[in-house]
Every structure is written in structure tokens, then in C-alpha cells.
Amino acid sequence: MSNRIMLKGRHLFLQSLMVGLTNPKMLAFLIALFPLFLNPGKSIAGQLATMTGTFMALSFLALSCFALVASQFTKLIRQPAILGRINRVIALIFFTFGASLILAGLNQFQNSLFQ
């Protein structure tokens, strides 16, 4: 690997690490969730450390699996035929969502007229 690619990868890693460490949503989530599972008769710090370590390890494992799967799919979706099929499926999904919103709105409008 070239030195430039390694530096870019290191920079991206450090940048994402800082974003993760300074994410207030994660801190709020942990502060809201973890106290529900604490045993007041035992060491709070030890329990928090165990829960945090477990949560972080499982998060790392899940995100690593996502990255591995994504790197494998990258090779697949670069093929024009596959990319075209993916685009058609996504367009169909959006069309279906849009049509269902229109139908729900018309149904609600129709119900308000007859009440």
C-alpha cells in the first residue's frame, strides 16, 4: 500500500473516531439506557464499565461486519447491469411509497367530506 493511501485511511479513521467520541446522541442514549440495568447493591462503576465495554465491543463487531459486507457488495454493484436493476428496484419502492401517501391522503380527504 502506498504511503498516501495509508495516511488518508489514518486520517479518515481519526476523523470518524472524533465524531463518535463527541457524539452527544450516544452519550444521551447510554445515560438513559444503562441506569435501568444497574444493581444498586454492587459497584456502579464496575457495572457501567462492563456494560459500556460490552456495548462498544458488539457495536464494533456489527459495524465491522457491515463494512465487510459493503466491501464485497462494492465489487458487485459496480457492474452496470446490476446497478441498473438496483436503480429500478429503488425507483419502484419510492413510487410505491408515493402512491400510498397519495391514496392515504385522498382517503382522509374523502372521509372528511362525508363527515
PDB file of N, CA and C in Angstrom:
ATOM      1  N   MET A   1       0.833  -1.178   0.000  1.00  0.00           N
ATOM      2  CA  MET A   1       0.000   0.000   0.000  1.00  0.00           C
ATOM      3  C   MET A   1       0.880   1.244   0.000  1.00  0.00           C
ATOM      4  N   SER A   2       0.441   2.235  -0.740  1.00  0.00           N
ATOM      5  CA  SER A   2       1.242   3.445  -0.796  1.00  0.00           C
ATOM      6  C   SER A   2       1.086   4.244   0.496  1.00  0.00           C
ATOM      7  N   ASN A   3       2.058   5.090   0.741  1.00  0.00           N
ATOM      8  CA  ASN A   3       2.069   5.907   1.953  1.00  0.00           C
ATOM      9  C   ASN A   3       0.887   6.875   1.959  1.00  0.00           C
ATOM     10  N   ARG A   4       0.528   7.390   0.781  1.00  0.00           N
ATOM     11  CA  ARG A   4      -0.568   8.348   0.682  1.00  0.00           C
ATOM     12  C   ARG A   4      -1.906   7.694   1.057  1.00  0.00           C
ATOM     13  N   ILE A   5      -2.119   6.466   0.612  1.00  0.00           N
ATOM     14  CA  ILE A   5      -3.356   5.765   0.937  1.00  0.00           C
ATOM     15  C   ILE A   5      -3.427   5.480   2.431  1.00  0.00           C
ATOM     16  N   MET A   6      -2.297   5.092   3.028  1.00  0.00           N
ATOM     17  CA  MET A   6      -2.277   4.822   4.464  1.00  0.00           C
ATOM     18  C   MET A   6      -2.572   6.085   5.259  1.00  0.00           C
ATOM     19  N   LEU A   7      -2.009   7.221   4.826  1.00  0.00           N
ATOM     20  CA  LEU A   7      -2.273   8.482   5.524  1.00  0.00           C
ATOM     21  C   LEU A   7      -3.742   8.878   5.395  1.00  0.00           C
ATOM     22  N   LYS A   8      -4.312   8.680   4.215  1.00  0.00           N
ATOM     23  CA  LYS A   8      -5.718   9.008   4.017  1.00  0.00           C
ATOM     24  C   LYS A   8      -6.591   8.121   4.908  1.00  0.00           C
ATOM     25  N   GLY A   9      -6.288   6.832   4.963  1.00  0.00           N
ATOM     26  CA  GLY A   9      -7.039   5.915   5.812  1.00  0.00           C
ATOM     27  C   GLY A   9      -6.917   6.273   7.275  1.00  0.00           C
ATOM     28  N   ARG A  10      -5.712   6.630   7.705  1.00  0.00           N
ATOM     29  CA  ARG A  10      -5.489   7.020   9.101  1.00  0.00           C
ATOM     30  C   ARG A  10      -6.273   8.294   9.419  1.00  0.00           C
ATOM     31  N   HIS A  11      -6.259   9.250   8.490  1.00  0.00           N
ATOM     32  CA  HIS A  11      -6.991  10.499   8.684  1.00  0.00           C
ATOM     33  C   HIS A  11      -8.487  10.227   8.801  1.00  0.00           C
ATOM     34  N   LEU A  12      -9.021   9.378   7.929  1.00  0.00           N
ATOM     35  CA  LEU A  12     -10.446   9.051   7.985  1.00  0.00           C
ATOM     36  C   LEU A  12     -10.802   8.344   9.294  1.00  0.00           C
ATOM     37  N   PHE A  13      -9.924   7.454   9.730  1.00  0.00           N
ATOM     38  CA  PHE A  13     -10.179   6.746  10.985  1.00  0.00           C
ATOM     39  C   PHE A  13     -10.206   7.725  12.156  1.00  0.00           C
ATOM     40  N   LEU A  14      -9.219   8.608  12.234  1.00  0.00           N
ATOM     41  CA  LEU A  14      -9.157   9.568  13.335  1.00  0.00           C
ATOM     42  C   LEU A  14     -10.345  10.530  13.303  1.00  0.00           C
ATOM     43  N   GLN A  15     -10.735  10.940  12.101  1.00  0.00           N
ATOM     44  CA  GLN A  15     -11.872  11.840  11.977  1.00  0.00           C
ATOM     45  C   GLN A  15     -13.156  11.151  12.454  1.00  0.00           C
ATOM     46  N   SER A  16     -13.377   9.923  12.040  1.00  0.00           N
ATOM     47  CA  SER A  16     -14.588   9.222  12.461  1.00  0.00           C
ATOM     48  C   SER A  16     -14.539   8.873  13.946  1.00  0.00           C
ATOM     49  N   LEU A  17     -13.351   8.615  14.482  1.00  0.00           N
ATOM     50  CA  LEU A  17     -13.219   8.368  15.914  1.00  0.00           C
ATOM     51  C   LEU A  17     -13.624   9.605  16.711  1.00  0.00           C
ATOM     52  N   MET A  18     -13.171  10.767  16.280  1.00  0.00           N
ATOM     53  CA  MET A  18     -13.524  12.007  16.974  1.00  0.00           C
ATOM     54  C   MET A  18     -15.024  12.292  16.872  1.00  0.00           C
ATOM     55  N   VAL A  19     -15.622  12.017  15.728  1.00  0.00           N
ATOM     56  CA  VAL A  19     -17.065  12.210  15.583  1.00  0.00           C
ATOM     57  C   VAL A  19     -17.803  11.286  16.546  1.00  0.00           C
ATOM     58  N   GLY A  20     -17.371  10.042  16.630  1.00  0.00           N
ATOM     59  CA  GLY A  20     -18.007   9.086  17.522  1.00  0.00           C
ATOM     60  C   GLY A  20     -17.852   9.446  18.982  1.00  0.00           C
ATOM     61  N   LEU A  21     -16.668   9.896  19.366  1.00  0.00           N
ATOM     62  CA  LEU A  21     -16.423  10.222  20.770  1.00  0.00           C
ATOM     63  C   LEU A  21     -17.148  11.483  21.221  1.00  0.00           C
ATOM     64  N   THR A  22     -17.399  12.381  20.298  1.00  0.00           N
ATOM     65  CA  THR A  22     -18.052  13.640  20.657  1.00  0.00           C
ATOM     66  C   THR A  22     -19.531  13.657  20.291  1.00  0.00           C
ATOM     67  N   ASN A  23     -20.102  12.508  19.987  1.00  0.00           N
ATOM     68  CA  ASN A  23     -21.494  12.418  19.587  1.00  0.00           C
ATOM     69  C   ASN A  23     -22.397  12.508  20.822  1.00  0.00           C
ATOM     70  N   PRO A  24     -23.119  13.605  20.993  1.00  0.00           N
ATOM     71  CA  PRO A  24     -23.954  13.734  22.194  1.00  0.00           C
ATOM     72  C   PRO A  24     -25.133  12.760  22.200  1.00  0.00           C
ATOM     73  N   LYS A  25     -25.583  12.314  21.030  1.00  0.00           N
ATOM     74  CA  LYS A  25     -26.696  11.368  20.995  1.00  0.00           C
ATOM     75  C   LYS A  25     -26.303  10.044  21.638  1.00  0.00           C
ATOM     76  N   MET A  26     -25.077   9.615  21.412  1.00  0.00           N
ATOM     77  CA  MET A  26     -24.633   8.360  22.011  1.00  0.00           C
ATOM     78  C   MET A  26     -24.540   8.489  23.526  1.00  0.00           C
ATOM     79  N   LEU A  27     -24.010   9.605  23.988  1.00  0.00           N
ATOM     80  CA  LEU A  27     -23.932   9.811  25.437  1.00  0.00           C
ATOM     81  C   LEU A  27     -25.322   9.850  26.067  1.00  0.00           C
ATOM     82  N   ALA A  28     -26.258  10.524  25.423  1.00  0.00           N
ATOM     83  CA  ALA A  28     -27.626  10.591  25.946  1.00  0.00           C
ATOM     84  C   ALA A  28     -28.257   9.196  25.947  1.00  0.00           C
ATOM     85  N   PHE A  29     -27.992   8.416  24.914  1.00  0.00           N
ATOM     86  CA  PHE A  29     -28.514   7.052  24.847  1.00  0.00           C
ATOM     87  C   PHE A  29     -27.981   6.205  25.990  1.00  0.00           C
ATOM     88  N   LEU A  30     -26.682   6.273  26.214  1.00  0.00           N
ATOM     89  CA  LEU A  30     -26.078   5.468  27.272  1.00  0.00           C
ATOM     90  C   LEU A  30     -26.553   5.909  28.654  1.00  0.00           C
ATOM     91  N   ILE A  31     -26.688   7.211  28.854  1.00  0.00           N
ATOM     92  CA  ILE A  31     -27.143   7.731  30.147  1.00  0.00           C
ATOM     93  C   ILE A  31     -28.600   7.338  30.398  1.00  0.00           C
ATOM     94  N   ALA A  32     -29.401   7.272  29.343  1.00  0.00           N
ATOM     95  CA  ALA A  32     -30.808   6.901  29.503  1.00  0.00           C
ATOM     96  C   ALA A  32     -30.989   5.394  29.649  1.00  0.00           C
ATOM     97  N   LEU A  33     -30.174   4.605  28.997  1.00  0.00           N
ATOM     98  CA  LEU A  33     -30.374   3.160  28.970  1.00  0.00           C
ATOM     99  C   LEU A  33     -29.726   2.433  30.143  1.00  0.00           C
ATOM    100  N   PHE A  34     -28.481   2.714  30.420  1.00  0.00           N
ATOM    101  CA  PHE A  34     -27.727   1.910  31.383  1.00  0.00           C
ATOM    102  C   PHE A  34     -28.271   1.935  32.811  1.00  0.00           C
ATOM    103  N   PRO A  35     -28.757   3.065  33.332  1.00  0.00           N
ATOM    104  CA  PRO A  35     -29.251   3.034  34.722  1.00  0.00           C
ATOM    105  C   PRO A  35     -30.389   2.049  34.952  1.00  0.00           C
ATOM    106  N   LEU A  36     -31.116   1.705  33.907  1.00  0.00           N
ATOM    107  CA  LEU A  36     -32.218   0.753  34.051  1.00  0.00           C
ATOM    108  C   LEU A  36     -31.725  -0.636  34.449  1.00  0.00           C
ATOM    109  N   PHE A  37     -30.477  -0.945  34.149  1.00  0.00           N
ATOM    110  CA  PHE A  37     -29.948  -2.276  34.370  1.00  0.00           C
ATOM    111  C   PHE A  37     -28.913  -2.342  35.500  1.00  0.00           C
ATOM    112  N   LEU A  38     -28.769  -1.271  36.239  1.00  0.00           N
ATOM    113  CA  LEU A  38     -27.791  -1.250  37.329  1.00  0.00           C
ATOM    114  C   LEU A  38     -28.362  -1.893  38.586  1.00  0.00           C
ATOM    115  N   ASN A  39     -27.522  -2.628  39.285  1.00  0.00           N
ATOM    116  CA  ASN A  39     -27.870  -3.216  40.575  1.00  0.00           C
ATOM    117  C   ASN A  39     -27.299  -2.299  41.653  1.00  0.00           C
ATOM    118  N   PRO A  40     -28.152  -1.630  42.427  1.00  0.00           N
ATOM    119  CA  PRO A  40     -27.643  -0.667  43.422  1.00  0.00           C
ATOM    120  C   PRO A  40     -26.784  -1.301  44.506  1.00  0.00           C
ATOM    121  N   GLY A  41     -26.861  -2.605  44.681  1.00  0.00           N
ATOM    122  CA  GLY A  41     -26.085  -3.270  45.719  1.00  0.00           C
ATOM    123  C   GLY A  41     -24.656  -3.570  45.309  1.00  0.00           C
ATOM    124  N   LYS A  42     -24.332  -3.341  44.057  1.00  0.00           N
ATOM    125  CA  LYS A  42     -22.978  -3.635  43.570  1.00  0.00           C
ATOM    126  C   LYS A  42     -22.310  -2.346  43.091  1.00  0.00           C
ATOM    127  N   SER A  43     -21.045  -2.457  42.755  1.00  0.00           N
ATOM    128  CA  SER A  43     -20.265  -1.310  42.296  1.00  0.00           C
ATOM    129  C   SER A  43     -20.848  -0.737  41.000  1.00  0.00           C
ATOM    130  N   ILE A  44     -21.259   0.512  41.058  1.00  0.00           N
ATOM    131  CA  ILE A  44     -21.849   1.171  39.891  1.00  0.00           C
ATOM    132  C   ILE A  44     -20.800   1.337  38.798  1.00  0.00           C
ATOM    133  N   ALA A  45     -19.601   1.766  39.174  1.00  0.00           N
ATOM    134  CA  ALA A  45     -18.544   1.993  38.179  1.00  0.00           C
ATOM    135  C   ALA A  45     -18.194   0.697  37.453  1.00  0.00           C
ATOM    136  N   GLY A  46     -18.103  -0.394  38.180  1.00  0.00           N
ATOM    137  CA  GLY A  46     -17.789  -1.675  37.557  1.00  0.00           C
ATOM    138  C   GLY A  46     -18.874  -2.130  36.597  1.00  0.00           C
ATOM    139  N   GLN A  47     -20.118  -1.932  37.003  1.00  0.00           N
ATOM    140  CA  GLN A  47     -21.233  -2.311  36.139  1.00  0.00           C
ATOM    141  C   GLN A  47     -21.267  -1.452  34.872  1.00  0.00           C
ATOM    142  N   LEU A  48     -21.062  -0.145  35.050  1.00  0.00           N
ATOM    143  CA  LEU A  48     -21.045   0.749  33.886  1.00  0.00           C
ATOM    144  C   LEU A  48     -19.902   0.399  32.943  1.00  0.00           C
ATOM    145  N   ALA A  49     -18.736   0.091  33.508  1.00  0.00           N
ATOM    146  CA  ALA A  49     -17.595  -0.276  32.669  1.00  0.00           C
ATOM    147  C   ALA A  49     -17.880  -1.559  31.896  1.00  0.00           C
ATOM    148  N   THR A  50     -18.496  -2.536  32.554  1.00  0.00           N
ATOM    149  CA  THR A  50     -18.829  -3.796  31.884  1.00  0.00           C
ATOM    150  C   THR A  50     -19.851  -3.587  30.774  1.00  0.00           C
ATOM    151  N   MET A  51     -20.906  -2.831  31.079  1.00  0.00           N
ATOM    152  CA  MET A  51     -21.938  -2.586  30.067  1.00  0.00           C
ATOM    153  C   MET A  51     -21.396  -1.767  28.896  1.00  0.00           C
ATOM    154  N   THR A  52     -20.597  -0.751  29.207  1.00  0.00           N
ATOM    155  CA  THR A  52     -20.030   0.071  28.141  1.00  0.00           C
ATOM    156  C   THR A  52     -19.088  -0.743  27.270  1.00  0.00           C
ATOM    157  N   GLY A  53     -18.233  -1.536  27.889  1.00  0.00           N
ATOM    158  CA  GLY A  53     -17.314  -2.374  27.128  1.00  0.00           C
ATOM    159  C   GLY A  53     -18.039  -3.380  26.251  1.00  0.00           C
ATOM    160  N   THR A  54     -19.071  -4.002  26.802  1.00  0.00           N
ATOM    161  CA  THR A  54     -19.862  -4.960  26.020  1.00  0.00           C
ATOM    162  C   THR A  54     -20.558  -4.271  24.863  1.00  0.00           C
ATOM    163  N   PHE A  55     -21.166  -3.122  25.144  1.00  0.00           N
ATOM    164  CA  PHE A  55     -21.869  -2.380  24.092  1.00  0.00           C
ATOM    165  C   PHE A  55     -20.907  -1.957  22.984  1.00  0.00           C
ATOM    166  N   MET A  56     -19.750  -1.446  23.370  1.00  0.00           N
ATOM    167  CA  MET A  56     -18.781  -0.998  22.368  1.00  0.00           C
ATOM    168  C   MET A  56     -18.225  -2.168  21.558  1.00  0.00           C
ATOM    169  N   ALA A  57     -17.958  -3.291  22.221  1.00  0.00           N
ATOM    170  CA  ALA A  57     -17.446  -4.465  21.503  1.00  0.00           C
ATOM    171  C   ALA A  57     -18.472  -4.980  20.497  1.00  0.00           C
ATOM    172  N   LEU A  58     -19.739  -5.036  20.917  1.00  0.00           N
ATOM    173  CA  LEU A  58     -20.773  -5.500  19.990  1.00  0.00           C
ATOM    174  C   LEU A  58     -21.003  -4.504  18.860  1.00  0.00           C
ATOM    175  N   SER A  59     -20.924  -3.225  19.164  1.00  0.00           N
ATOM    176  CA  SER A  59     -21.047  -2.203  18.110  1.00  0.00           C
ATOM    177  C   SER A  59     -19.907  -2.330  17.108  1.00  0.00           C
ATOM    178  N   PHE A  60     -18.688  -2.510  17.614  1.00  0.00           N
ATOM    179  CA  PHE A  60     -17.530  -2.664  16.732  1.00  0.00           C
ATOM    180  C   PHE A  60     -17.692  -3.899  15.852  1.00  0.00           C
ATOM    181  N   LEU A  61     -18.152  -5.003  16.438  1.00  0.00           N
ATOM    182  CA  LEU A  61     -18.347  -6.235  15.677  1.00  0.00           C
ATOM    183  C   LEU A  61     -19.403  -6.043  14.592  1.00  0.00           C
ATOM    184  N   ALA A  62     -20.526  -5.408  14.941  1.00  0.00           N
ATOM    185  CA  ALA A  62     -21.589  -5.188  13.963  1.00  0.00           C
ATOM    186  C   ALA A  62     -21.127  -4.269  12.836  1.00  0.00           C
ATOM    187  N   LEU A  63     -20.458  -3.176  13.188  1.00  0.00           N
ATOM    188  CA  LEU A  63     -20.001  -2.238  12.160  1.00  0.00           C
ATOM    189  C   LEU A  63     -18.908  -2.851  11.287  1.00  0.00           C
ATOM    190  N   SER A  64     -18.074  -3.699  11.871  1.00  0.00           N
ATOM    191  CA  SER A  64     -17.054  -4.398  11.080  1.00  0.00           C
ATOM    192  C   SER A  64     -17.703  -5.346  10.086  1.00  0.00           C
ATOM    193  N   CYS A  65     -18.758  -6.020  10.519  1.00  0.00           N
ATOM    194  CA  CYS A  65     -19.483  -6.908   9.598  1.00  0.00           C
ATOM    195  C   CYS A  65     -20.131  -6.108   8.474  1.00  0.00           C
ATOM    196  N   PHE A  66     -20.728  -4.958   8.811  1.00  0.00           N
ATOM    197  CA  PHE A  66     -21.310  -4.109   7.776  1.00  0.00           C
ATOM    198  C   PHE A  66     -20.253  -3.666   6.779  1.00  0.00           C
ATOM    199  N   ALA A  67     -19.085  -3.286   7.266  1.00  0.00           N
ATOM    200  CA  ALA A  67     -18.007  -2.840   6.380  1.00  0.00           C
ATOM    201  C   ALA A  67     -17.539  -3.975   5.475  1.00  0.00           C
ATOM    202  N   LEU A  68     -17.435  -5.166   6.019  1.00  0.00           N
ATOM    203  CA  LEU A  68     -17.010  -6.319   5.221  1.00  0.00           C
ATOM    204  C   LEU A  68     -18.028  -6.628   4.128  1.00  0.00           C
ATOM    205  N   VAL A  69     -19.296  -6.644   4.492  1.00  0.00           N
ATOM    206  CA  VAL A  69     -20.344  -6.913   3.506  1.00  0.00           C
ATOM    207  C   VAL A  69     -20.362  -5.809   2.449  1.00  0.00           C
ATOM    208  N   ALA A  70     -20.233  -4.556   2.886  1.00  0.00           N
ATOM    209  CA  ALA A  70     -20.237  -3.431   1.938  1.00  0.00           C
ATOM    210  C   ALA A  70     -19.060  -3.508   0.976  1.00  0.00           C
ATOM    211  N   SER A  71     -17.896  -3.914   1.468  1.00  0.00           N
ATOM    212  CA  SER A  71     -16.740  -4.009   0.574  1.00  0.00           C
ATOM    213  C   SER A  71     -16.946  -5.109  -0.459  1.00  0.00           C
ATOM    214  N   GLN A  72     -17.640  -6.169  -0.090  1.00  0.00           N
ATOM    215  CA  GLN A  72     -17.921  -7.237  -1.055  1.00  0.00           C
ATOM    216  C   GLN A  72     -18.984  -6.799  -2.062  1.00  0.00           C
ATOM    217  N   PHE A  73     -19.989  -6.049  -1.592  1.00  0.00           N
ATOM    218  CA  PHE A  73     -21.036  -5.583  -2.495  1.00  0.00           C
ATOM    219  C   PHE A  73     -20.532  -4.502  -3.449  1.00  0.00           C
ATOM    220  N   THR A  74     -19.481  -3.809  -3.076  1.00  0.00           N
ATOM    221  CA  THR A  74     -18.935  -2.770  -3.942  1.00  0.00           C
ATOM    222  C   THR A  74     -18.524  -3.364  -5.283  1.00  0.00           C
ATOM    223  N   LYS A  75     -17.899  -4.522  -5.244  1.00  0.00           N
ATOM    224  CA  LYS A  75     -17.487  -5.182  -6.479  1.00  0.00           C
ATOM    225  C   LYS A  75     -18.704  -5.547  -7.320  1.00  0.00           C
ATOM    226  N   LEU A  76     -19.767  -5.964  -6.645  1.00  0.00           N
ATOM    227  CA  LEU A  76     -20.963  -6.406  -7.350  1.00  0.00           C
ATOM    228  C   LEU A  76     -21.708  -5.239  -7.980  1.00  0.00           C
ATOM    229  N   ILE A  77     -21.911  -4.146  -7.236  1.00  0.00           N
ATOM    230  CA  ILE A  77     -22.743  -3.061  -7.755  1.00  0.00           C
ATOM    231  C   ILE A  77     -22.018  -2.164  -8.747  1.00  0.00           C
ATOM    232  N   ARG A  78     -20.753  -2.388  -8.957  1.00  0.00           N
ATOM    233  CA  ARG A  78     -20.051  -1.614  -9.993  1.00  0.00           C
ATOM    234  C   ARG A  78     -20.340  -2.153 -11.387  1.00  0.00           C
ATOM    235  N   GLN A  79     -20.993  -3.294 -11.452  1.00  0.00           N
ATOM    236  CA  GLN A  79     -21.378  -3.847 -12.754  1.00  0.00           C
ATOM    237  C   GLN A  79     -22.616  -3.092 -13.240  1.00  0.00           C
ATOM    238  N   PRO A  80     -22.580  -2.552 -14.458  1.00  0.00           N
ATOM    239  CA  PRO A  80     -23.698  -1.730 -14.943  1.00  0.00           C
ATOM    240  C   PRO A  80     -25.050  -2.452 -14.928  1.00  0.00           C
ATOM    241  N   ALA A  81     -25.086  -3.727 -15.254  1.00  0.00           N
ATOM    242  CA  ALA A  81     -26.365  -4.445 -15.283  1.00  0.00           C
ATOM    243  C   ALA A  81     -26.963  -4.550 -13.879  1.00  0.00           C
ATOM    244  N   ILE A  82     -26.133  -4.846 -12.903  1.00  0.00           N
ATOM    245  CA  ILE A  82     -26.606  -4.955 -11.514  1.00  0.00           C
ATOM    246  C   ILE A  82     -27.055  -3.592 -11.002  1.00  0.00           C
ATOM    247  N   LEU A  83     -26.279  -2.562 -11.299  1.00  0.00           N
ATOM    248  CA  LEU A  83     -26.621  -1.211 -10.861  1.00  0.00           C
ATOM    249  C   LEU A  83     -27.952  -0.758 -11.457  1.00  0.00           C
ATOM    250  N   GLY A  84     -28.201  -1.103 -12.708  1.00  0.00           N
ATOM    251  CA  GLY A  84     -29.485  -0.773 -13.338  1.00  0.00           C
ATOM    252  C   GLY A  84     -30.651  -1.443 -12.638  1.00  0.00           C
ATOM    253  N   ARG A  85     -30.480  -2.719 -12.267  1.00  0.00           N
ATOM    254  CA  ARG A  85     -31.547  -3.429 -11.546  1.00  0.00           C
ATOM    255  C   ARG A  85     -31.795  -2.801 -10.180  1.00  0.00           C
ATOM    256  N   ILE A  86     -30.711  -2.455  -9.485  1.00  0.00           N
ATOM    257  CA  ILE A  86     -30.852  -1.824  -8.166  1.00  0.00           C
ATOM    258  C   ILE A  86     -31.596  -0.499  -8.299  1.00  0.00           C
ATOM    259  N   ASN A  87     -31.253   0.294  -9.306  1.00  0.00           N
ATOM    260  CA  ASN A  87     -31.926   1.583  -9.522  1.00  0.00           C
ATOM    261  C   ASN A  87     -33.409   1.391  -9.805  1.00  0.00           C
ATOM    262  N   ARG A  88     -33.758   0.370 -10.583  1.00  0.00           N
ATOM    263  CA  ARG A  88     -35.168   0.115 -10.879  1.00  0.00           C
ATOM    264  C   ARG A  88     -35.934  -0.305  -9.622  1.00  0.00           C
ATOM    265  N   VAL A  89     -35.336  -1.137  -8.800  1.00  0.00           N
ATOM    266  CA  VAL A  89     -35.989  -1.577  -7.564  1.00  0.00           C
ATOM    267  C   VAL A  89     -36.195  -0.391  -6.630  1.00  0.00           C
ATOM    268  N   ILE A  90     -35.187   0.456  -6.492  1.00  0.00           N
ATOM    269  CA  ILE A  90     -35.313   1.630  -5.629  1.00  0.00           C
ATOM    270  C   ILE A  90     -36.381   2.585  -6.156  1.00  0.00           C
ATOM    271  N   ALA A  91     -36.425   2.769  -7.485  1.00  0.00           N
ATOM    272  CA  ALA A  91     -37.454   3.622  -8.078  1.00  0.00           C
ATOM    273  C   ALA A  91     -38.847   3.055  -7.811  1.00  0.00           C
ATOM    274  N   LEU A  92     -38.993   1.753  -7.902  1.00  0.00           N
ATOM    275  CA  LEU A  92     -40.282   1.114  -7.625  1.00  0.00           C
ATOM    276  C   LEU A  92     -40.687   1.306  -6.164  1.00  0.00           C
ATOM    277  N   ILE A  93     -39.722   1.184  -5.267  1.00  0.00           N
ATOM    278  CA  ILE A  93     -40.008   1.389  -3.836  1.00  0.00           C
ATOM    279  C   ILE A  93     -40.476   2.818  -3.585  1.00  0.00           C
ATOM    280  N   PHE A  94     -39.772   3.801  -4.159  1.00  0.00           N
ATOM    281  CA  PHE A  94     -40.173   5.195  -3.969  1.00  0.00           C
ATOM    282  C   PHE A  94     -41.535   5.478  -4.600  1.00  0.00           C
ATOM    283  N   PHE A  95     -41.783   4.913  -5.770  1.00  0.00           N
ATOM    284  CA  PHE A  95     -43.074   5.090  -6.425  1.00  0.00           C
ATOM    285  C   PHE A  95     -44.187   4.520  -5.551  1.00  0.00           C
ATOM    286  N   THR A  96     -43.954   3.337  -4.983  1.00  0.00           N
ATOM    287  CA  THR A  96     -44.954   2.703  -4.114  1.00  0.00           C
ATOM    288  C   THR A  96     -45.218   3.551  -2.877  1.00  0.00           C
ATOM    289  N   PHE A  97     -44.159   4.074  -2.254  1.00  0.00           N
ATOM    290  CA  PHE A  97     -44.342   4.952  -1.095  1.00  0.00           C
ATOM    291  C   PHE A  97     -45.147   6.191  -1.477  1.00  0.00           C
ATOM    292  N   GLY A  98     -44.799   6.801  -2.590  1.00  0.00           N
ATOM    293  CA  GLY A  98     -45.507   7.995  -3.038  1.00  0.00           C
ATOM    294  C   GLY A  98     -46.971   7.718  -3.318  1.00  0.00           C
ATOM    295  N   ALA A  99     -47.236   6.613  -4.004  1.00  0.00           N
ATOM    296  CA  ALA A  99     -48.621   6.254  -4.321  1.00  0.00           C
ATOM    297  C   ALA A  99     -49.413   5.968  -3.044  1.00  0.00           C
ATOM    298  N   SER A 100     -48.801   5.295  -2.086  1.00  0.00           N
ATOM    299  CA  SER A 100     -49.517   5.007  -0.839  1.00  0.00           C
ATOM    300  C   SER A 100     -49.806   6.290  -0.063  1.00  0.00           C
ATOM    301  N   LEU A 101     -48.886   7.262  -0.107  1.00  0.00           N
ATOM    302  CA  LEU A 101     -49.149   8.543   0.554  1.00  0.00           C
ATOM    303  C   LEU A 101     -50.296   9.290  -0.118  1.00  0.00           C
ATOM    304  N   ILE A 102     -50.305   9.261  -1.439  1.00  0.00           N
ATOM    305  CA  ILE A 102     -51.392   9.927  -2.178  1.00  0.00           C
ATOM    306  C   ILE A 102     -52.721   9.267  -1.856  1.00  0.00           C
ATOM    307  N   LEU A 103     -52.758   7.939  -1.882  1.00  0.00           N
ATOM    308  CA  LEU A 103     -54.003   7.226  -1.593  1.00  0.00           C
ATOM    309  C   LEU A 103     -54.464   7.460  -0.155  1.00  0.00           C
ATOM    310  N   ALA A 104     -53.537   7.484   0.784  1.00  0.00           N
ATOM    311  CA  ALA A 104     -53.909   7.748   2.175  1.00  0.00           C
ATOM    312  C   ALA A 104     -54.460   9.165   2.318  1.00  0.00           C
ATOM    313  N   GLY A 105     -53.835  10.125   1.640  1.00  0.00           N
ATOM    314  CA  GLY A 105     -54.314  11.498   1.692  1.00  0.00           C
ATOM    315  C   GLY A 105     -55.685  11.645   1.058  1.00  0.00           C
ATOM    316  N   LEU A 106     -55.908  10.977  -0.085  1.00  0.00           N
ATOM    317  CA  LEU A 106     -57.214  11.031  -0.735  1.00  0.00           C
ATOM    318  C   LEU A 106     -58.284  10.376   0.133  1.00  0.00           C
ATOM    319  N   ASN A 107     -57.923   9.272   0.756  1.00  0.00           N
ATOM    320  CA  ASN A 107     -58.869   8.581   1.632  1.00  0.00           C
ATOM    321  C   ASN A 107     -59.249   9.473   2.815  1.00  0.00           C
ATOM    322  N   GLN A 108     -58.261  10.138   3.399  1.00  0.00           N
ATOM    323  CA  GLN A 108     -58.529  11.030   4.527  1.00  0.00           C
ATOM    324  C   GLN A 108     -59.372  12.218   4.080  1.00  0.00           C
ATOM    325  N   PHE A 109     -59.075  12.748   2.903  1.00  0.00           N
ATOM    326  CA  PHE A 109     -59.842  13.872   2.362  1.00  0.00           C
ATOM    327  C   PHE A 109     -61.281  13.454   2.098  1.00  0.00           C
ATOM    328  N   GLN A 110     -61.458  12.267   1.519  1.00  0.00           N
ATOM    329  CA  GLN A 110     -62.791  11.762   1.224  1.00  0.00           C
ATOM    330  C   GLN A 110     -63.590  11.538   2.502  1.00  0.00           C
ATOM    331  N   ASN A 111     -62.930  11.006   3.528  1.00  0.00           N
ATOM    332  CA  ASN A 111     -63.605  10.788   4.810  1.00  0.00           C
ATOM    333  C   ASN A 111     -64.008  12.116   5.460  1.00  0.00           C
ATOM    334  N   SER A 112     -63.197  13.154   5.299  1.00  0.00           N
ATOM    335  CA  SER A 112     -63.537  14.449   5.901  1.00  0.00           C
ATOM    336  C   SER A 112     -64.709  15.118   5.170  1.00  0.00           C
ATOM    337  N   LEU A 113     -64.883  14.807   3.886  1.00  0.00           N
ATOM    338  CA  LEU A 113     -66.000  15.384   3.145  1.00  0.00           C
ATOM    339  C   LEU A 113     -67.346  14.810   3.585  1.00  0.00           C
ATOM    340  N   PHE A 114     -67.356  13.550   3.929  1.00  0.00           N
ATOM    341  CA  PHE A 114     -68.610  12.871   4.247  1.00  0.00           C
ATOM    342  C   PHE A 114     -68.910  12.815   5.732  1.00  0.00           C
ATOM    343  N   GLN A 115     -68.209  13.571   6.541  1.00  0.00           N
ATOM    344  CA  GLN A 115     -68.488  13.581   7.983  1.00  0.00           C
ATOM    345  C   GLN A 115     -69.224  14.824   8.376  1.00  0.00           C
TER     346      GLN A 115
END
